[in-house]
Amino acid sequence: MSKTLLTVIGRRLGVAVATILGAALFSFIVLRKLPGDPARLIGGDMADSKTIAGIREAMGLDKPLPVQFITYLRDISPAISASATAPDSLSTS
């Protein structure tokens, strides 16, 4: 392959990765800015503050936003979630 072809492919891959990360960041920010607290919605009206804190901890909402974003990327990635949920019979040793 010529050097210019490799340069074009490299640039396109870079733009594709940047676009995907940008779209993921945009959707993460939009979801975080929605009104309401997910832990309160799950816990319901009768949940006490200890229950709400437990739900926040279980969902990772008590972690800093950069950590939540990395978790979000892991959760929406088909490659990572497919390998994490593969049955033992499909894994190679």
Protein backbone atom coordinates (compact mmCIF):
# COMPACT_ATOMS: atom_id res chain seq x y z
CA MET A 1 0.00 0.00 0.00
CA SER A 2 1.16 3.48 -0.66
CA LYS A 3 1.94 5.94 2.09
CA THR A 4 -0.89 8.28 1.08
CA LEU A 5 -3.44 5.47 1.26
CA LEU A 6 -2.30 4.57 4.76
CA THR A 7 -2.52 8.23 5.75
CA VAL A 8 -6.10 8.48 4.45
CA ILE A 9 -7.12 5.29 6.25
CA GLY A 10 -5.48 6.49 9.48
CA ARG A 11 -7.25 9.84 9.31
CA ARG A 12 -10.62 8.23 8.64
CA LEU A 13 -10.19 5.83 11.53
CA GLY A 14 -9.23 8.73 13.78
CA VAL A 15 -12.29 10.71 12.72
CA ALA A 16 -14.51 7.66 13.24
CA VAL A 17 -13.21 7.08 16.77
CA ALA A 18 -13.58 10.78 17.62
CA THR A 19 -17.15 10.79 16.26
CA ILE A 20 -18.15 7.74 18.26
CA LEU A 21 -16.63 9.13 21.47
CA GLY A 22 -18.27 12.50 20.82
CA ALA A 23 -21.69 10.90 20.33
CA ALA A 24 -21.23 8.83 23.49
CA LEU A 25 -20.22 11.92 25.47
CA PHE A 26 -23.20 13.87 24.12
CA SER A 27 -25.68 11.11 25.05
CA PHE A 28 -24.05 10.74 28.51
CA ILE A 29 -24.42 14.47 29.19
CA VAL A 30 -28.01 14.56 27.94
CA LEU A 31 -28.96 11.58 30.14
CA ARG A 32 -27.32 13.17 33.19
CA LYS A 33 -29.15 16.46 32.63
CA LEU A 34 -32.63 14.89 32.55
CA PRO A 35 -34.78 16.04 35.45
CA GLY A 36 -35.28 13.70 38.38
CA ASP A 37 -33.12 11.33 40.33
CA PRO A 38 -32.89 7.76 38.97
CA ALA A 39 -32.40 6.37 42.48
CA ARG A 40 -35.58 8.09 43.71
CA LEU A 41 -37.52 6.82 40.69
CA ILE A 42 -36.39 3.25 41.35
CA GLY A 43 -36.89 3.49 45.12
CA GLY A 44 -40.31 5.05 44.87
CA ASP A 45 -42.03 7.57 47.09
CA MET A 46 -41.81 5.46 50.24
CA ALA A 47 -38.04 4.83 50.10
CA ASP A 48 -35.99 6.27 52.93
CA SER A 49 -32.65 8.04 52.51
CA LYS A 50 -30.67 4.89 53.38
CA THR A 51 -32.41 2.95 50.61
CA ILE A 52 -31.83 5.77 48.12
CA ALA A 53 -28.13 5.89 49.08
CA GLY A 54 -27.89 2.12 48.55
CA ILE A 55 -29.49 2.39 45.13
CA ARG A 56 -27.11 5.22 44.18
CA GLU A 57 -24.15 3.13 45.29
CA ALA A 58 -25.37 0.04 43.41
CA MET A 59 -25.89 2.07 40.23
CA GLY A 60 -22.58 3.89 40.58
CA LEU A 61 -24.25 7.30 40.85
CA ASP A 62 -22.13 8.12 43.90
CA LYS A 63 -18.90 7.99 41.84
CA PRO A 64 -17.32 11.01 40.10
CA LEU A 65 -18.62 11.84 36.60
CA PRO A 66 -15.45 10.69 34.77
CA VAL A 67 -15.75 7.26 36.42
CA GLN A 68 -19.46 7.16 35.54
CA PHE A 69 -18.58 8.02 31.92
CA ILE A 70 -16.03 5.18 31.69
CA THR A 71 -18.63 2.80 33.12
CA TYR A 72 -21.17 4.15 30.61
CA LEU A 73 -18.75 3.50 27.74
CA ARG A 74 -18.18 -0.03 29.00
CA ASP A 75 -21.92 -0.63 29.30
CA ILE A 76 -22.80 0.61 25.79
CA SER A 77 -19.88 -1.10 24.04
CA PRO A 78 -21.04 -4.25 22.24
CA ALA A 79 -17.52 -5.69 22.18
CA ILE A 80 -17.01 -5.42 25.93
CA SER A 81 -20.51 -6.48 26.96
CA ALA A 82 -20.47 -9.43 24.56
CA SER A 83 -17.23 -10.77 25.99
CA ALA A 84 -18.36 -10.12 29.55
CA THR A 85 -21.57 -12.12 29.12
CA ALA A 86 -20.24 -14.97 26.98
CA PRO A 87 -21.03 -18.41 28.36
CA ASP A 88 -18.11 -20.44 29.67
CA SER A 89 -18.54 -22.99 26.88
CA LEU A 90 -17.71 -20.29 24.28
CA SER A 91 -14.60 -18.96 25.99
CA THR A 92 -11.24 -20.25 24.85
CA SER A 93 -8.55 -21.46 27.20
